[in-house]
């Protein structure tokens, strides 16, 4: 595999940065990750970090050097991340759970497969055109549900999501792919701090006309400038796919051809979780959620 990659995360006008990003790769597979910890709930940055750690730990365990079933891996990894966030809130005795969005893409065997939950997005640009974009799990983005008889308010806040990781309800996620990659294809994962300020046309234009090492920081700076003092965290990680014949040594270029089969590289901060990651089954999660809800009920009863 040969690709160029570049990533940037800026705090913007917020008190702290709750976004997290990173990527991992072996000789035959690579995974790119971005999570946006949700405001309105405690420790969003912890939820985002736990999600990246859980997924990258599973990737290290299973990509030997390739994943057997990419789609199944992504679905299982997202659920493992969800369980880890719930575990954390239980161990800390929290009355509300940390929550995060997630978007992840696996590049393997010349194709890309991605998963997302929430409103962190993936863009795929080819030859100057937007080939694909994830659809947010928000009521605004899902307006088409009205055609099926669901009446939605006329004006809907784009920030209202109906799913995420860490919520007491089981997360909803979408898996797309595999999509065959071509020389020069660009993939970008970003938080809503970027796409909330810039339109799809602006994003597509920048990715089409610049290498990712220039497009990514330029897009981030444009988003920050447009949002001004009220800017959200702005985080972006993008890669350009480079076939062997078209590969040039550019900034951020990575070639795995000389990597040994047992080598694993990662930019995701190491730390727990790793062992015991899967020992919370669905029944245990339901019991844990019931405990959290009961604690909330008792707390509310004391206040009244």
C-alpha atoms as a PDB file:
ATOM      1  CA  UNK A   1       0.000   0.000   0.000  1.00  0.00           C
ATOM      2  CA  UNK A   2       1.090   3.533  -0.768  1.00  0.00           C
ATOM      3  CA  UNK A   3      -0.719   6.636   0.405  1.00  0.00           C
ATOM      4  CA  UNK A   4      -0.169  10.206   1.579  1.00  0.00           C
ATOM      5  CA  UNK A   5      -1.815  11.278   4.826  1.00  0.00           C
ATOM      6  CA  UNK A   6      -2.175  14.531   6.744  1.00  0.00           C
ATOM      7  CA  UNK A   7      -4.118  15.424   9.893  1.00  0.00           C
ATOM      8  CA  UNK A   8      -4.928  18.575  11.879  1.00  0.00           C
ATOM      9  CA  UNK A   9      -7.015  19.272  14.992  1.00  0.00           C
ATOM     10  CA  UNK A  10      -7.748  22.773  16.347  1.00  0.00           C
ATOM     11  CA  UNK A  11      -9.611  23.796  19.484  1.00  0.00           C
ATOM     12  CA  UNK A  12     -11.396  26.736  17.849  1.00  0.00           C
ATOM     13  CA  UNK A  13     -13.466  28.877  20.194  1.00  0.00           C
ATOM     14  CA  UNK A  14     -14.178  26.066  22.658  1.00  0.00           C
ATOM     15  CA  UNK A  15     -12.694  25.662  26.144  1.00  0.00           C
ATOM     16  CA  UNK A  16     -11.156  22.313  25.264  1.00  0.00           C
ATOM     17  CA  UNK A  17     -10.715  20.047  22.270  1.00  0.00           C
ATOM     18  CA  UNK A  18     -13.011  17.012  22.490  1.00  0.00           C
ATOM     19  CA  UNK A  19     -12.090  15.700  19.012  1.00  0.00           C
ATOM     20  CA  UNK A  20      -9.662  12.822  18.520  1.00  0.00           C
ATOM     21  CA  UNK A  21      -8.107  11.369  15.360  1.00  0.00           C
ATOM     22  CA  UNK A  22      -5.432   8.925  14.274  1.00  0.00           C
ATOM     23  CA  UNK A  23      -4.499   6.089  11.979  1.00  0.00           C
ATOM     24  CA  UNK A  24      -2.898   2.654  12.169  1.00  0.00           C
ATOM     25  CA  UNK A  25      -1.475   0.362   9.539  1.00  0.00           C
ATOM     26  CA  UNK A  26       0.134  -2.980   8.924  1.00  0.00           C
ATOM     27  CA  UNK A  27       1.756  -4.288   5.773  1.00  0.00           C
ATOM     28  CA  UNK A  28      -1.592  -5.023   4.153  1.00  0.00           C
ATOM     29  CA  UNK A  29      -4.223  -2.880   5.892  1.00  0.00           C
ATOM     30  CA  UNK A  30      -4.740   0.623   7.217  1.00  0.00           C
ATOM     31  CA  UNK A  31      -7.449   2.206   9.378  1.00  0.00           C
ATOM     32  CA  UNK A  32      -8.189   5.929   9.709  1.00  0.00           C
ATOM     33  CA  UNK A  33     -10.244   7.161  12.671  1.00  0.00           C
ATOM     34  CA  UNK A  34     -11.961  10.328  13.855  1.00  0.00           C
ATOM     35  CA  UNK A  35     -14.211  10.848  16.875  1.00  0.00           C
ATOM     36  CA  UNK A  36     -15.975  13.975  18.104  1.00  0.00           C
ATOM     37  CA  UNK A  37     -16.825  13.951  21.817  1.00  0.00           C
ATOM     38  CA  UNK A  38     -20.304  15.341  22.335  1.00  0.00           C
ATOM     39  CA  UNK A  39     -20.993  18.486  24.305  1.00  0.00           C
ATOM     40  CA  UNK A  40     -23.898  18.488  26.731  1.00  0.00           C
ATOM     41  CA  UNK A  41     -22.575  15.292  28.280  1.00  0.00           C
ATOM     42  CA  UNK A  42     -19.545  14.828  30.567  1.00  0.00           C
ATOM     43  CA  UNK A  43     -16.037  14.062  29.332  1.00  0.00           C
ATOM     44  CA  UNK A  44     -16.634  13.963  25.604  1.00  0.00           C
ATOM     45  CA  UNK A  45     -12.889  13.904  25.014  1.00  0.00           C
ATOM     46  CA  UNK A  46     -12.666  10.709  27.106  1.00  0.00           C
ATOM     47  CA  UNK A  47     -15.390   9.039  25.036  1.00  0.00           C
ATOM     48  CA  UNK A  48     -13.600  10.004  21.821  1.00  0.00           C
ATOM     49  CA  UNK A  49     -10.248   8.744  23.097  1.00  0.00           C
ATOM     50  CA  UNK A  50     -11.724   5.480  24.373  1.00  0.00           C
ATOM     51  CA  UNK A  51     -13.382   4.881  21.002  1.00  0.00           C
ATOM     52  CA  UNK A  52     -10.105   5.323  19.120  1.00  0.00           C
ATOM     53  CA  UNK A  53      -8.186   3.161  21.571  1.00  0.00           C
ATOM     54  CA  UNK A  54     -10.734   0.341  21.476  1.00  0.00           C
ATOM     55  CA  UNK A  55     -10.906   0.247  17.684  1.00  0.00           C
ATOM     56  CA  UNK A  56      -7.160   0.526  17.151  1.00  0.00           C
ATOM     57  CA  UNK A  57      -6.531  -2.216  19.743  1.00  0.00           C
ATOM     58  CA  UNK A  58      -8.894  -4.537  17.869  1.00  0.00           C
ATOM     59  CA  UNK A  59      -7.243  -3.615  14.577  1.00  0.00           C
ATOM     60  CA  UNK A  60      -3.813  -4.486  15.975  1.00  0.00           C
ATOM     61  CA  UNK A  61      -5.162  -7.810  17.200  1.00  0.00           C
ATOM     62  CA  UNK A  62      -6.922  -8.827  13.978  1.00  0.00           C
ATOM     63  CA  UNK A  63      -4.995  -7.271  11.067  1.00  0.00           C
ATOM     64  CA  UNK A  64      -2.364  -9.996  10.684  1.00  0.00           C
ATOM     65  CA  UNK A  65      -1.484  -8.332   8.320  1.00  0.00           C
ATOM     66  CA  UNK A  66      -5.001  -8.014   6.790  1.00  0.00           C
ATOM     67  CA  UNK A  67      -8.516  -8.198   8.187  1.00  0.00           C
ATOM     68  CA  UNK A  68     -10.491 -11.297   7.241  1.00  0.00           C
ATOM     69  CA  UNK A  69     -13.802  -9.451   6.859  1.00  0.00           C
ATOM     70  CA  UNK A  70     -13.503  -5.662   6.877  1.00  0.00           C
ATOM     71  CA  UNK A  71     -17.218  -4.872   7.216  1.00  0.00           C
ATOM     72  CA  UNK A  72     -17.711  -7.322  10.060  1.00  0.00           C
ATOM     73  CA  UNK A  73     -14.599  -5.994  11.797  1.00  0.00           C
ATOM     74  CA  UNK A  74     -15.803  -2.384  11.636  1.00  0.00           C
ATOM     75  CA  UNK A  75     -19.235  -3.278  13.044  1.00  0.00           C
ATOM     76  CA  UNK A  76     -17.706  -5.306  15.884  1.00  0.00           C
ATOM     77  CA  UNK A  77     -15.091  -2.630  16.620  1.00  0.00           C
ATOM     78  CA  UNK A  78     -17.671   0.154  16.899  1.00  0.00           C
ATOM     79  CA  UNK A  79     -19.739  -1.938  19.298  1.00  0.00           C
ATOM     80  CA  UNK A  80     -16.609  -2.689  21.350  1.00  0.00           C
ATOM     81  CA  UNK A  81     -15.907   1.049  21.542  1.00  0.00           C
ATOM     82  CA  UNK A  82     -19.494   1.654  22.692  1.00  0.00           C
ATOM     83  CA  UNK A  83     -19.085  -0.965  25.435  1.00  0.00           C
ATOM     84  CA  UNK A  84     -15.831   0.553  26.609  1.00  0.00           C
ATOM     85  CA  UNK A  85     -17.457   3.960  27.068  1.00  0.00           C
ATOM     86  CA  UNK A  86     -20.297   2.383  29.053  1.00  0.00           C
ATOM     87  CA  UNK A  87     -17.770   0.447  31.142  1.00  0.00           C
ATOM     88  CA  UNK A  88     -15.904   3.662  31.917  1.00  0.00           C
ATOM     89  CA  UNK A  89     -19.077   5.458  33.065  1.00  0.00           C
ATOM     90  CA  UNK A  90     -20.052   2.506  35.258  1.00  0.00           C
ATOM     91  CA  UNK A  91     -16.622   2.256  36.877  1.00  0.00           C
ATOM     92  CA  UNK A  92     -16.651   6.002  37.584  1.00  0.00           C
ATOM     93  CA  UNK A  93     -20.210   5.898  38.951  1.00  0.00           C
ATOM     94  CA  UNK A  94     -21.334   8.566  36.503  1.00  0.00           C
ATOM     95  CA  UNK A  95     -24.999   9.604  36.315  1.00  0.00           C
ATOM     96  CA  UNK A  96     -24.598  10.506  32.636  1.00  0.00           C
ATOM     97  CA  UNK A  97     -22.423   8.734  30.104  1.00  0.00           C
ATOM     98  CA  UNK A  98     -19.692  10.325  27.968  1.00  0.00           C
ATOM     99  CA  UNK A  99     -20.672  10.215  24.306  1.00  0.00           C
ATOM    100  CA  UNK A 100     -18.995  10.554  20.931  1.00  0.00           C
ATOM    101  CA  UNK A 101     -19.497  10.264  17.223  1.00  0.00           C
ATOM    102  CA  UNK A 102     -17.188   8.025  15.185  1.00  0.00           C
ATOM    103  CA  UNK A 103     -16.152   7.671  11.561  1.00  0.00           C
ATOM    104  CA  UNK A 104     -13.583   5.089  10.474  1.00  0.00           C
ATOM    105  CA  UNK A 105     -12.258   3.880   7.131  1.00  0.00           C
ATOM    106  CA  UNK A 106     -10.247   0.739   6.368  1.00  0.00           C
ATOM    107  CA  UNK A 107      -8.071   0.632   3.277  1.00  0.00           C
ATOM    108  CA  UNK A 108      -7.165  -2.894   2.217  1.00  0.00           C
ATOM    109  CA  UNK A 109      -6.613  -4.835  -1.017  1.00  0.00           C
ATOM    110  CA  UNK A 110      -7.012  -1.700  -3.124  1.00  0.00           C
ATOM    111  CA  UNK A 111     -10.453  -0.858  -1.699  1.00  0.00           C
ATOM    112  CA  UNK A 112     -11.924   1.247   1.083  1.00  0.00           C
ATOM    113  CA  UNK A 113     -14.751   0.394   3.471  1.00  0.00           C
ATOM    114  CA  UNK A 114     -16.065   2.842   6.040  1.00  0.00           C
ATOM    115  CA  UNK A 115     -18.402   3.068   9.009  1.00  0.00           C
ATOM    116  CA  UNK A 116     -19.935   6.031  10.780  1.00  0.00           C
ATOM    117  CA  UNK A 117     -22.183   6.764  13.737  1.00  0.00           C
ATOM    118  CA  UNK A 118     -23.340  10.331  14.314  1.00  0.00           C
ATOM    119  CA  UNK A 119     -22.350  13.367  12.251  1.00  0.00           C
ATOM    120  CA  UNK A 120     -18.610  13.084  11.784  1.00  0.00           C
ATOM    121  CA  UNK A 121     -18.232  12.670   8.042  1.00  0.00           C
ATOM    122  CA  UNK A 122     -16.233  10.918   5.355  1.00  0.00           C
ATOM    123  CA  UNK A 123     -15.787  12.529   1.944  1.00  0.00           C
ATOM    124  CA  UNK A 124     -14.443  10.645  -1.103  1.00  0.00           C
ATOM    125  CA  UNK A 125     -13.262  12.766  -4.036  1.00  0.00           C
ATOM    126  CA  UNK A 126     -12.218  11.433  -7.446  1.00  0.00           C
ATOM    127  CA  UNK A 127     -11.078  13.458 -10.448  1.00  0.00           C
ATOM    128  CA  UNK A 128     -12.576  16.681  -9.164  1.00  0.00           C
ATOM    129  CA  UNK A 129     -15.949  15.233  -8.200  1.00  0.00           C
ATOM    130  CA  UNK A 130     -17.524  14.217  -4.904  1.00  0.00           C
ATOM    131  CA  UNK A 131     -17.893  10.462  -5.290  1.00  0.00           C
ATOM    132  CA  UNK A 132     -19.375   9.738  -1.866  1.00  0.00           C
ATOM    133  CA  UNK A 133     -20.251  11.387   1.447  1.00  0.00           C
ATOM    134  CA  UNK A 134     -21.667   9.897   4.614  1.00  0.00           C
ATOM    135  CA  UNK A 135     -25.170  10.928   5.642  1.00  0.00           C
ATOM    136  CA  UNK A 136     -25.364  12.241   9.197  1.00  0.00           C
ATOM    137  CA  UNK A 137     -27.408  10.427  11.795  1.00  0.00           C
ATOM    138  CA  UNK A 138     -29.243  13.657  12.566  1.00  0.00           C
ATOM    139  CA  UNK A 139     -32.881  14.589  12.192  1.00  0.00           C
ATOM    140  CA  UNK A 140     -31.916  17.359   9.781  1.00  0.00           C
ATOM    141  CA  UNK A 141     -30.065  15.013   7.427  1.00  0.00           C
ATOM    142  CA  UNK A 142     -32.803  12.395   7.637  1.00  0.00           C
ATOM    143  CA  UNK A 143     -35.614  14.654   6.436  1.00  0.00           C
ATOM    144  CA  UNK A 144     -36.413  12.118   3.749  1.00  0.00           C
ATOM    145  CA  UNK A 145     -38.023  10.059   6.517  1.00  0.00           C
ATOM    146  CA  UNK A 146     -40.966  12.467   6.198  1.00  0.00           C
ATOM    147  CA  UNK A 147     -41.820  10.754   2.931  1.00  0.00           C
ATOM    148  CA  UNK A 148     -42.513   7.595   4.938  1.00  0.00           C
ATOM    149  CA  UNK A 149     -45.084   9.398   7.060  1.00  0.00           C
ATOM    150  CA  UNK A 150     -42.863  10.838   9.806  1.00  0.00           C
ATOM    151  CA  UNK A 151     -43.637  14.510  10.369  1.00  0.00           C
ATOM    152  CA  UNK A 152     -40.619  16.601  11.260  1.00  0.00           C
ATOM    153  CA  UNK A 153     -40.481  20.210  12.490  1.00  0.00           C
ATOM    154  CA  UNK A 154     -39.896  22.858   9.846  1.00  0.00           C
ATOM    155  CA  UNK A 155     -36.634  24.013  11.428  1.00  0.00           C
ATOM    156  CA  UNK A 156     -34.330  21.411  12.954  1.00  0.00           C
ATOM    157  CA  UNK A 157     -31.023  22.040  14.721  1.00  0.00           C
ATOM    158  CA  UNK A 158     -28.289  20.247  12.756  1.00  0.00           C
ATOM    159  CA  UNK A 159     -26.621  19.295  16.043  1.00  0.00           C
ATOM    160  CA  UNK A 160     -29.470  17.062  17.195  1.00  0.00           C
ATOM    161  CA  UNK A 161     -28.354  13.472  16.623  1.00  0.00           C
ATOM    162  CA  UNK A 162     -30.444  10.377  17.092  1.00  0.00           C
ATOM    163  CA  UNK A 163     -27.485   8.075  17.750  1.00  0.00           C
ATOM    164  CA  UNK A 164     -23.918   8.079  19.041  1.00  0.00           C
ATOM    165  CA  UNK A 165     -21.492   5.899  20.977  1.00  0.00           C
ATOM    166  CA  UNK A 166     -21.918   5.871  24.757  1.00  0.00           C
ATOM    167  CA  UNK A 167     -25.656   6.470  24.778  1.00  0.00           C
ATOM    168  CA  UNK A 168     -27.802   4.083  26.880  1.00  0.00           C
ATOM    169  CA  UNK A 169     -29.494   3.044  23.625  1.00  0.00           C
ATOM    170  CA  UNK A 170     -27.781   0.731  21.148  1.00  0.00           C
ATOM    171  CA  UNK A 171     -25.927   2.797  18.531  1.00  0.00           C
ATOM    172  CA  UNK A 172     -27.049   2.961  14.923  1.00  0.00           C
ATOM    173  CA  UNK A 173     -24.267   2.845  12.357  1.00  0.00           C
ATOM    174  CA  UNK A 174     -23.836   2.456   8.606  1.00  0.00           C
ATOM    175  CA  UNK A 175     -21.151   0.428   6.837  1.00  0.00           C
ATOM    176  CA  UNK A 176     -20.327   1.281   3.206  1.00  0.00           C
ATOM    177  CA  UNK A 177     -18.055  -0.546   0.784  1.00  0.00           C
ATOM    178  CA  UNK A 178     -15.812  -1.973  -0.322  1.00  0.00           C
ATOM    179  CA  UNK A 179     -15.259   0.718  -2.950  1.00  0.00           C
ATOM    180  CA  UNK A 180     -12.337   0.143  -5.325  1.00  0.00           C
ATOM    181  CA  UNK A 181      -9.697   2.872  -5.108  1.00  0.00           C
ATOM    182  CA  UNK A 182      -8.118   4.585  -8.102  1.00  0.00           C
ATOM    183  CA  UNK A 183      -4.871   6.528  -8.404  1.00  0.00           C
ATOM    184  CA  UNK A 184      -5.351   9.986  -6.882  1.00  0.00           C
ATOM    185  CA  UNK A 185      -8.538   9.220  -4.943  1.00  0.00           C
ATOM    186  CA  UNK A 186      -8.789  11.315  -1.782  1.00  0.00           C
ATOM    187  CA  UNK A 187     -10.587  10.371   1.420  1.00  0.00           C
ATOM    188  CA  UNK A 188     -11.250  12.883   4.175  1.00  0.00           C
ATOM    189  CA  UNK A 189     -12.659  12.280   7.648  1.00  0.00           C
ATOM    190  CA  UNK A 190     -13.751  15.390   9.530  1.00  0.00           C
ATOM    191  CA  UNK A 191     -15.735  16.629  12.521  1.00  0.00           C
ATOM    192  CA  UNK A 192     -18.762  18.905  12.186  1.00  0.00           C
ATOM    193  CA  UNK A 193     -16.592  21.872  13.101  1.00  0.00           C
ATOM    194  CA  UNK A 194     -15.274  21.705   9.542  1.00  0.00           C
ATOM    195  CA  UNK A 195     -18.272  20.758   7.423  1.00  0.00           C
ATOM    196  CA  UNK A 196     -20.595  22.956   9.509  1.00  0.00           C
ATOM    197  CA  UNK A 197     -18.786  26.029   8.179  1.00  0.00           C
ATOM    198  CA  UNK A 198     -17.846  24.854   4.688  1.00  0.00           C
ATOM    199  CA  UNK A 199     -20.098  23.450   1.986  1.00  0.00           C
ATOM    200  CA  UNK A 200     -19.540  20.217   0.110  1.00  0.00           C
ATOM    201  CA  UNK A 201     -18.541  22.185  -3.002  1.00  0.00           C
ATOM    202  CA  UNK A 202     -15.803  24.057  -1.105  1.00  0.00           C
ATOM    203  CA  UNK A 203     -14.462  20.850   0.406  1.00  0.00           C
ATOM    204  CA  UNK A 204     -14.497  19.042  -2.939  1.00  0.00           C
ATOM    205  CA  UNK A 205     -12.718  21.918  -4.688  1.00  0.00           C
ATOM    206  CA  UNK A 206      -9.905  22.115  -2.130  1.00  0.00           C
ATOM    207  CA  UNK A 207      -9.344  18.355  -2.090  1.00  0.00           C
ATOM    208  CA  UNK A 208      -9.374  18.246  -5.884  1.00  0.00           C
ATOM    209  CA  UNK A 209      -6.845  21.001  -6.498  1.00  0.00           C
ATOM    210  CA  UNK A 210      -4.284  20.492  -3.732  1.00  0.00           C
ATOM    211  CA  UNK A 211      -2.320  17.660  -2.147  1.00  0.00           C
ATOM    212  CA  UNK A 212      -3.779  16.632   1.204  1.00  0.00           C
ATOM    213  CA  UNK A 213      -0.836  18.231   3.031  1.00  0.00           C
ATOM    214  CA  UNK A 214      -2.063  21.602   1.748  1.00  0.00           C
ATOM    215  CA  UNK A 215      -5.809  21.010   1.434  1.00  0.00           C
ATOM    216  CA  UNK A 216      -6.306  19.844   5.032  1.00  0.00           C
ATOM    217  CA  UNK A 217      -4.704  22.806   6.851  1.00  0.00           C
ATOM    218  CA  UNK A 218      -6.299  25.247   4.377  1.00  0.00           C
ATOM    219  CA  UNK A 219      -9.772  23.777   4.955  1.00  0.00           C
ATOM    220  CA  UNK A 220      -9.306  23.883   8.721  1.00  0.00           C
ATOM    221  CA  UNK A 221      -8.184  27.517   8.651  1.00  0.00           C
ATOM    222  CA  UNK A 222     -11.108  28.471   6.382  1.00  0.00           C
ATOM    223  CA  UNK A 223     -13.579  26.794   8.739  1.00  0.00           C
ATOM    224  CA  UNK A 224     -12.114  28.548  11.779  1.00  0.00           C
ATOM    225  CA  UNK A 225     -12.135  31.932  10.056  1.00  0.00           C
ATOM    226  CA  UNK A 226     -15.708  31.550   8.833  1.00  0.00           C
ATOM    227  CA  UNK A 227     -17.052  30.454  12.240  1.00  0.00           C
ATOM    228  CA  UNK A 228     -15.112  33.145  14.105  1.00  0.00           C
ATOM    229  CA  UNK A 229     -15.077  33.204  17.898  1.00  0.00           C
ATOM    230  CA  UNK A 230     -17.941  30.704  18.080  1.00  0.00           C
ATOM    231  CA  UNK A 231     -16.013  28.039  16.191  1.00  0.00           C
ATOM    232  CA  UNK A 232     -16.372  24.441  17.291  1.00  0.00           C
ATOM    233  CA  UNK A 233     -13.369  22.111  17.479  1.00  0.00           C
ATOM    234  CA  UNK A 234     -12.178  21.530  13.904  1.00  0.00           C
ATOM    235  CA  UNK A 235     -10.506  18.204  13.135  1.00  0.00           C
ATOM    236  CA  UNK A 236      -9.620  16.610   9.827  1.00  0.00           C
ATOM    237  CA  UNK A 237      -7.580  13.649   8.595  1.00  0.00           C
ATOM    238  CA  UNK A 238      -7.222  12.938   4.874  1.00  0.00           C
ATOM    239  CA  UNK A 239      -5.333  10.562   2.625  1.00  0.00           C
ATOM    240  CA  UNK A 240      -4.532  10.290  -1.051  1.00  0.00           C
ATOM    241  CA  UNK A 241      -4.336   6.823  -2.556  1.00  0.00           C
ATOM    242  CA  UNK A 242      -1.257   6.273  -4.660  1.00  0.00           C
ATOM    243  CA  UNK A 243      -0.781   3.213  -6.837  1.00  0.00           C
ATOM    244  CA  UNK A 244       2.774   1.857  -7.241  1.00  0.00           C
ATOM    245  CA  UNK A 245       3.235   3.319 -10.732  1.00  0.00           C
ATOM    246  CA  UNK A 246       1.995   6.735  -9.726  1.00  0.00           C
ATOM    247  CA  UNK A 247       3.701   6.992  -6.347  1.00  0.00           C
ATOM    248  CA  UNK A 248       5.834  10.047  -5.703  1.00  0.00           C
ATOM    249  CA  UNK A 249       7.672  10.928  -2.533  1.00  0.00           C
ATOM    250  CA  UNK A 250       5.397  13.665  -1.181  1.00  0.00           C
ATOM    251  CA  UNK A 251       4.878  15.094   2.290  1.00  0.00           C
ATOM    252  CA  UNK A 252       3.201  12.485   4.488  1.00  0.00           C
ATOM    253  CA  UNK A 253       3.813   9.643   2.032  1.00  0.00           C
ATOM    254  CA  UNK A 254       3.751   6.135   3.487  1.00  0.00           C
ATOM    255  CA  UNK A 255       4.658   2.895   1.765  1.00  0.00           C
ATOM    256  CA  UNK A 256       4.027  -0.390   3.552  1.00  0.00           C
ATOM    257  CA  UNK A 257       5.728  -2.565   0.941  1.00  0.00           C
ATOM    258  CA  UNK A 258       8.870  -2.902   3.041  1.00  0.00           C
ATOM    259  CA  UNK A 259       6.997  -3.382   6.326  1.00  0.00           C
ATOM    260  CA  UNK A 260       7.317  -6.836   7.897  1.00  0.00           C
ATOM    261  CA  UNK A 261       4.118  -8.836   8.311  1.00  0.00           C
ATOM    262  CA  UNK A 262       4.270  -8.607  12.107  1.00  0.00           C
ATOM    263  CA  UNK A 263       4.742  -4.821  12.255  1.00  0.00           C
ATOM    264  CA  UNK A 264       1.946  -2.540  13.511  1.00  0.00           C
ATOM    265  CA  UNK A 265       2.248   1.260  13.384  1.00  0.00           C
ATOM    266  CA  UNK A 266      -0.159   3.682  15.029  1.00  0.00           C
ATOM    267  CA  UNK A 267      -0.611   7.380  15.768  1.00  0.00           C
ATOM    268  CA  UNK A 268      -3.381   6.626  18.281  1.00  0.00           C
ATOM    269  CA  UNK A 269      -2.267   7.309  21.842  1.00  0.00           C
ATOM    270  CA  UNK A 270      -1.649   4.013  23.614  1.00  0.00           C
ATOM    271  CA  UNK A 271      -3.237   3.059  26.913  1.00  0.00           C
ATOM    272  CA  UNK A 272      -6.197   1.150  28.224  1.00  0.00           C
ATOM    273  CA  UNK A 273      -8.423  -0.373  26.991  1.00  0.00           C
ATOM    274  CA  UNK A 274      -6.929  -3.568  25.626  1.00  0.00           C
ATOM    275  CA  UNK A 275      -7.538  -6.733  27.633  1.00  0.00           C
ATOM    276  CA  UNK A 276     -11.053  -7.682  28.668  1.00  0.00           C
ATOM    277  CA  UNK A 277     -12.477  -5.498  25.927  1.00  0.00           C
ATOM    278  CA  UNK A 278     -15.277  -7.860  24.965  1.00  0.00           C
ATOM    279  CA  UNK A 279     -16.460  -9.165  28.327  1.00  0.00           C
ATOM    280  CA  UNK A 280     -19.518  -6.888  28.457  1.00  0.00           C
ATOM    281  CA  UNK A 281     -22.150  -8.760  26.452  1.00  0.00           C
ATOM    282  CA  UNK A 282     -25.544  -7.310  25.534  1.00  0.00           C
ATOM    283  CA  UNK A 283     -27.177  -8.610  28.724  1.00  0.00           C
ATOM    284  CA  UNK A 284     -24.457  -7.025  30.852  1.00  0.00           C
ATOM    285  CA  UNK A 285     -24.858  -3.744  29.006  1.00  0.00           C
ATOM    286  CA  UNK A 286     -28.610  -3.781  29.629  1.00  0.00           C
ATOM    287  CA  UNK A 287     -28.024  -4.395  33.353  1.00  0.00           C
ATOM    288  CA  UNK A 288     -25.506  -1.558  33.425  1.00  0.00           C
ATOM    289  CA  UNK A 289     -27.878   0.832  31.689  1.00  0.00           C
ATOM    290  CA  UNK A 290     -30.593  -0.096  34.178  1.00  0.00           C
ATOM    291  CA  UNK A 291     -28.189   0.695  37.039  1.00  0.00           C
ATOM    292  CA  UNK A 292     -27.367   4.088  35.519  1.00  0.00           C
ATOM    293  CA  UNK A 293     -31.044   4.917  35.023  1.00  0.00           C
ATOM    294  CA  UNK A 294     -31.838   3.854  38.593  1.00  0.00           C
ATOM    295  CA  UNK A 295     -29.042   6.071  39.921  1.00  0.00           C
ATOM    296  CA  UNK A 296     -30.447   8.988  37.923  1.00  0.00           C
ATOM    297  CA  UNK A 297     -33.951   8.262  39.323  1.00  0.00           C
ATOM    298  CA  UNK A 298     -32.651   8.191  42.917  1.00  0.00           C
ATOM    299  CA  UNK A 299     -30.742  11.426  42.388  1.00  0.00           C
ATOM    300  CA  UNK A 300     -33.835  13.149  40.976  1.00  0.00           C
ATOM    301  CA  UNK A 301     -35.956  11.850  43.888  1.00  0.00           C
ATOM    302  CA  UNK A 302     -33.545  13.344  46.440  1.00  0.00           C
ATOM    303  CA  UNK A 303     -33.747  16.763  44.765  1.00  0.00           C
ATOM    304  CA  UNK A 304     -37.542  16.767  45.017  1.00  0.00           C
END
